[in-house]
């Protein structure tokens, strides 16, 4: 009887411990949601404020051709930024709230990387950036759309935060039964104090530069989610000079 009572008490203590843990997790999740909503509101407010300011100016000085040209360009830029933010917020939210339904298939990595580089070459040329790709033949099992989202986001960042006449180098190799892909750029780099936060939603190293380039602070958060859903990993490597290097690793097939 005594042993049964002890077992009953131990079971109740374990259930109480699990309940307390669940409560703490729910409280943490609630705090994260509040912070997430606050960040969204703040980031959306910035381009909307700019659009509203130009609309007000046009209402006051609608006969100023110089202001009209400036307003059209700025409103178009801020509208595009809002559109990209909405798209990425929806993608991040879908990944965090629901089970990810992917259609994995056998992908030839070198071919996929060359395809992504070709798609981004036009934008790179507009900014005077050169993209090169050096990829070994290898196969991974991955959702193709996720693969495209991952590397388009990474290349887009490498273009936005690069320097005039800069370079981006994409390299992949098969090592230790994993396909390792690096994206190296000659851009402004990422300071040491920001390295632990760059994958957080809405975090940007340089807010002024992000607004000029249309950055939302959501790209790397989305990339990490997509990579991890595909059984991969992403790491920001140490660099001795300027620029950034991201390494992604996926199980080889």
Protein backbone atom coordinates (compact mmCIF):
# COMPACT_ATOMS: atom_id res chain seq x y z
CA UNK A 1 0.00 0.00 0.00
CA UNK A 2 2.80 2.39 0.97
CA UNK A 3 4.58 1.74 -2.32
CA UNK A 4 1.39 2.43 -4.31
CA UNK A 5 0.89 5.71 -2.44
CA UNK A 6 4.48 6.74 -3.19
CA UNK A 7 4.02 5.89 -6.86
CA UNK A 8 0.76 7.86 -6.95
CA UNK A 9 2.42 10.88 -5.34
CA UNK A 10 5.38 10.65 -7.74
CA UNK A 11 3.01 10.46 -10.73
CA UNK A 12 1.08 13.53 -9.51
CA UNK A 13 4.34 15.42 -8.99
CA UNK A 14 5.42 14.56 -12.53
CA UNK A 15 2.07 15.68 -13.93
CA UNK A 16 2.36 18.94 -12.00
CA UNK A 17 5.87 19.46 -13.36
CA UNK A 18 4.64 18.90 -16.92
CA UNK A 19 1.73 21.27 -16.33
CA UNK A 20 4.07 23.99 -15.04
CA UNK A 21 6.34 23.49 -18.04
CA UNK A 22 3.38 23.78 -20.42
CA UNK A 23 2.27 27.00 -18.68
CA UNK A 24 5.76 28.49 -19.01
CA UNK A 25 5.87 27.58 -22.70
CA UNK A 26 2.45 29.15 -23.32
CA UNK A 27 3.51 32.31 -21.50
CA UNK A 28 6.70 32.50 -23.57
CA UNK A 29 4.71 31.93 -26.77
CA UNK A 30 2.25 34.67 -25.81
CA UNK A 31 5.14 37.08 -25.19
CA UNK A 32 6.71 36.17 -28.55
CA UNK A 33 3.38 36.76 -30.31
CA UNK A 34 2.98 40.16 -28.66
CA UNK A 35 6.51 41.14 -29.67
CA UNK A 36 5.93 39.81 -33.20
CA UNK A 37 2.73 41.84 -33.61
CA UNK A 38 4.48 44.91 -32.19
CA UNK A 39 7.34 44.52 -34.66
CA UNK A 40 4.94 44.08 -37.57
CA UNK A 41 3.01 47.22 -36.58
CA UNK A 42 6.22 49.25 -36.26
CA UNK A 43 7.70 48.06 -39.56
CA UNK A 44 4.46 48.60 -41.47
CA UNK A 45 4.08 52.10 -40.01
CA UNK A 46 7.37 53.37 -41.47
CA UNK A 47 6.55 53.01 -45.21
CA UNK A 48 2.94 54.01 -44.59
CA UNK A 49 4.12 57.22 -42.90
CA UNK A 50 6.30 58.02 -45.90
CA UNK A 51 3.43 57.38 -48.34
CA UNK A 52 1.04 59.52 -46.30
CA UNK A 53 3.57 62.37 -46.14
CA UNK A 54 3.92 62.46 -49.92
CA UNK A 55 0.16 62.29 -50.42
CA UNK A 56 -0.24 65.28 -48.07
CA UNK A 57 2.46 67.22 -49.95
CA UNK A 58 0.81 66.47 -53.30
CA UNK A 59 -2.50 67.75 -51.95
CA UNK A 60 -0.77 71.02 -51.04
CA UNK A 61 1.54 71.37 -54.07
CA UNK A 62 -0.09 69.39 -56.85
CA UNK A 63 1.35 71.72 -59.53
CA UNK A 64 5.00 71.02 -58.66
CA UNK A 65 6.38 68.67 -61.38
CA UNK A 66 9.59 67.95 -59.44
CA UNK A 67 7.62 66.95 -56.34
CA UNK A 68 5.32 64.81 -58.48
CA UNK A 69 8.24 62.80 -59.90
CA UNK A 70 9.82 62.42 -56.46
CA UNK A 71 6.52 61.37 -54.89
CA UNK A 72 5.78 58.80 -57.61
CA UNK A 73 9.20 57.20 -57.18
CA UNK A 74 9.04 57.15 -53.36
CA UNK A 75 5.45 55.90 -53.19
CA UNK A 76 6.25 53.13 -55.68
CA UNK A 77 9.32 52.11 -53.65
CA UNK A 78 7.47 52.09 -50.32
CA UNK A 79 4.50 50.24 -51.83
CA UNK A 80 6.84 47.54 -53.15
CA UNK A 81 8.44 47.30 -49.70
CA UNK A 82 5.02 46.86 -48.08
CA UNK A 83 4.13 44.18 -50.62
CA UNK A 84 7.33 42.25 -49.89
CA UNK A 85 6.75 42.57 -46.15
CA UNK A 86 3.23 41.19 -46.42
CA UNK A 87 4.44 38.28 -48.56
CA UNK A 88 7.20 37.35 -46.13
CA UNK A 89 5.03 37.81 -43.04
CA UNK A 90 2.50 35.40 -44.53
CA UNK A 91 5.23 32.88 -45.37
CA UNK A 92 6.81 33.07 -41.89
CA UNK A 93 3.42 32.85 -40.18
CA UNK A 94 2.42 29.83 -42.26
CA UNK A 95 5.62 28.03 -41.32
CA UNK A 96 5.23 28.80 -37.62
CA UNK A 97 1.52 28.04 -37.27
CA UNK A 98 0.93 25.03 -39.46
CA UNK A 99 2.67 21.82 -40.35
CA UNK A 100 4.78 22.38 -43.41
CA UNK A 101 3.40 20.45 -46.36
CA UNK A 102 6.24 20.02 -48.79
CA UNK A 103 6.60 17.97 -51.94
CA UNK A 104 10.14 16.70 -51.63
CA UNK A 105 11.90 15.47 -54.74
CA UNK A 106 15.40 14.56 -55.83
CA UNK A 107 17.19 17.78 -56.79
CA UNK A 108 20.50 18.15 -58.60
CA UNK A 109 22.15 20.89 -56.53
CA UNK A 110 24.52 22.34 -59.13
CA UNK A 111 21.69 22.69 -61.65
CA UNK A 112 19.40 24.26 -59.03
CA UNK A 113 22.05 26.78 -57.93
CA UNK A 114 22.84 27.79 -61.51
CA UNK A 115 19.11 28.33 -62.08
CA UNK A 116 18.84 30.61 -59.03
CA UNK A 117 21.96 32.57 -60.01
CA UNK A 118 20.57 33.08 -63.52
CA UNK A 119 17.27 34.35 -62.11
CA UNK A 120 19.06 36.88 -59.88
CA UNK A 121 21.69 37.97 -62.43
CA UNK A 122 19.46 40.72 -63.86
CA UNK A 123 19.01 42.41 -60.49
CA UNK A 124 22.71 41.95 -59.71
CA UNK A 125 23.70 43.66 -62.97
CA UNK A 126 21.50 46.66 -62.16
CA UNK A 127 23.54 47.14 -58.99
CA UNK A 128 26.87 46.43 -60.71
CA UNK A 129 27.26 43.13 -58.83
CA UNK A 130 28.86 40.04 -60.36
CA UNK A 131 27.54 36.56 -59.41
CA UNK A 132 29.69 33.47 -59.96
CA UNK A 133 28.75 29.86 -59.29
CA UNK A 134 31.07 26.92 -58.65
CA UNK A 135 28.99 23.84 -57.81
CA UNK A 136 29.91 20.16 -57.68
CA UNK A 137 27.37 17.62 -58.95
CA UNK A 138 25.35 16.31 -55.98
CA UNK A 139 21.77 15.40 -55.10
CA UNK A 140 19.58 16.26 -52.12
CA UNK A 141 16.00 15.39 -51.24
CA UNK A 142 14.18 18.72 -50.91
CA UNK A 143 11.04 20.65 -51.79
CA UNK A 144 12.02 22.53 -54.95
CA UNK A 145 10.01 25.66 -54.12
CA UNK A 146 11.67 25.83 -50.71
CA UNK A 147 15.08 25.50 -52.36
CA UNK A 148 14.30 28.45 -54.64
CA UNK A 149 12.95 30.58 -51.77
CA UNK A 150 16.04 29.87 -49.66
CA UNK A 151 18.64 30.85 -52.24
CA UNK A 152 16.72 33.70 -53.85
CA UNK A 153 16.43 35.31 -50.40
CA UNK A 154 20.13 34.79 -49.67
CA UNK A 155 21.23 36.16 -53.04
CA UNK A 156 18.80 39.06 -52.72
CA UNK A 157 20.40 40.01 -49.39
CA UNK A 158 23.89 39.61 -50.86
CA UNK A 159 22.92 42.08 -53.60
CA UNK A 160 21.16 44.59 -51.34
CA UNK A 161 23.96 44.81 -48.80
CA UNK A 162 26.89 44.66 -51.20
CA UNK A 163 29.17 47.45 -52.40
CA UNK A 164 29.33 49.00 -55.88
CA UNK A 165 31.07 46.64 -58.33
CA UNK A 166 30.94 43.96 -55.64
CA UNK A 167 30.92 40.20 -56.03
CA UNK A 168 28.89 37.20 -54.89
CA UNK A 169 30.31 33.69 -55.07
CA UNK A 170 28.17 30.56 -54.72
CA UNK A 171 30.03 27.32 -54.01
CA UNK A 172 28.86 23.79 -53.25
CA UNK A 173 30.69 20.59 -52.48
CA UNK A 174 29.97 17.09 -51.22
CA UNK A 175 31.71 16.41 -47.90
CA UNK A 176 31.05 13.90 -45.10
CA UNK A 177 27.89 12.70 -46.86
CA UNK A 178 26.43 16.20 -46.77
CA UNK A 179 26.07 18.85 -49.45
CA UNK A 180 27.61 22.08 -48.17
CA UNK A 181 26.72 25.32 -49.96
CA UNK A 182 28.33 28.68 -49.26
CA UNK A 183 27.15 32.14 -50.30
CA UNK A 184 30.04 34.62 -50.05
CA UNK A 185 29.66 38.35 -50.74
CA UNK A 186 31.93 41.39 -50.69
CA UNK A 187 29.33 43.53 -48.92
CA UNK A 188 29.16 45.59 -45.73
CA UNK A 189 29.42 42.55 -43.48
CA UNK A 190 27.72 41.73 -40.19
CA UNK A 191 29.19 43.02 -36.89
CA UNK A 192 29.99 40.56 -34.11
CA UNK A 193 27.26 41.89 -31.80
CA UNK A 194 24.59 41.20 -34.43
CA UNK A 195 25.60 37.64 -35.32
CA UNK A 196 23.30 35.98 -32.78
CA UNK A 197 20.24 37.98 -33.84
CA UNK A 198 20.29 38.04 -37.64
CA UNK A 199 17.85 35.13 -37.93
CA UNK A 200 15.25 36.84 -35.70
CA UNK A 201 12.12 38.16 -37.49
CA UNK A 202 12.38 41.90 -38.30
CA UNK A 203 15.95 42.22 -37.06
CA UNK A 204 18.16 44.31 -39.34
CA UNK A 205 21.82 45.17 -38.78
CA UNK A 206 21.49 48.61 -40.35
CA UNK A 207 17.94 49.98 -40.42
CA UNK A 208 18.79 52.97 -42.59
CA UNK A 209 20.46 50.75 -45.20
CA UNK A 210 17.55 48.29 -45.01
CA UNK A 211 15.00 50.99 -45.74
CA UNK A 212 17.05 52.35 -48.62
CA UNK A 213 17.34 48.89 -50.17
CA UNK A 214 13.81 47.74 -49.32
CA UNK A 215 14.93 45.18 -46.73
CA UNK A 216 12.26 43.88 -44.33
CA UNK A 217 14.31 41.95 -41.78
CA UNK A 218 12.27 38.84 -42.55
CA UNK A 219 14.39 37.19 -45.22
CA UNK A 220 16.86 35.34 -42.98
CA UNK A 221 14.14 34.30 -40.55
CA UNK A 222 12.22 32.75 -43.43
CA UNK A 223 15.38 31.13 -44.80
CA UNK A 224 16.24 29.47 -41.49
CA UNK A 225 12.71 28.12 -41.11
CA UNK A 226 12.74 26.70 -44.62
CA UNK A 227 16.22 25.18 -44.23
CA UNK A 228 15.34 23.47 -40.94
CA UNK A 229 12.08 22.14 -42.36
CA UNK A 230 14.19 20.47 -45.04
CA UNK A 231 16.47 18.78 -42.44
CA UNK A 232 19.26 21.25 -43.15
CA UNK A 233 21.23 23.85 -41.21
CA UNK A 234 22.47 27.39 -41.90
CA UNK A 235 25.40 29.14 -40.25
CA UNK A 236 27.00 32.55 -40.54
CA UNK A 237 30.71 31.83 -40.84
CA UNK A 238 33.50 33.92 -39.38
CA UNK A 239 35.16 36.25 -41.89
CA UNK A 240 38.48 38.01 -41.51
CA UNK A 241 37.72 40.83 -43.93
CA UNK A 242 34.60 42.55 -45.26
CA UNK A 243 31.54 40.74 -46.47
CA UNK A 244 29.49 37.80 -45.20
CA UNK A 245 29.60 34.05 -45.72
CA UNK A 246 26.63 31.79 -45.08
CA UNK A 247 27.05 28.01 -45.11
CA UNK A 248 24.11 25.69 -45.63
CA UNK A 249 24.28 21.95 -45.15
CA UNK A 250 21.83 19.29 -46.35
CA UNK A 251 21.96 15.47 -46.20
CA UNK A 252 23.25 14.09 -49.48
CA UNK A 253 21.25 11.47 -51.36
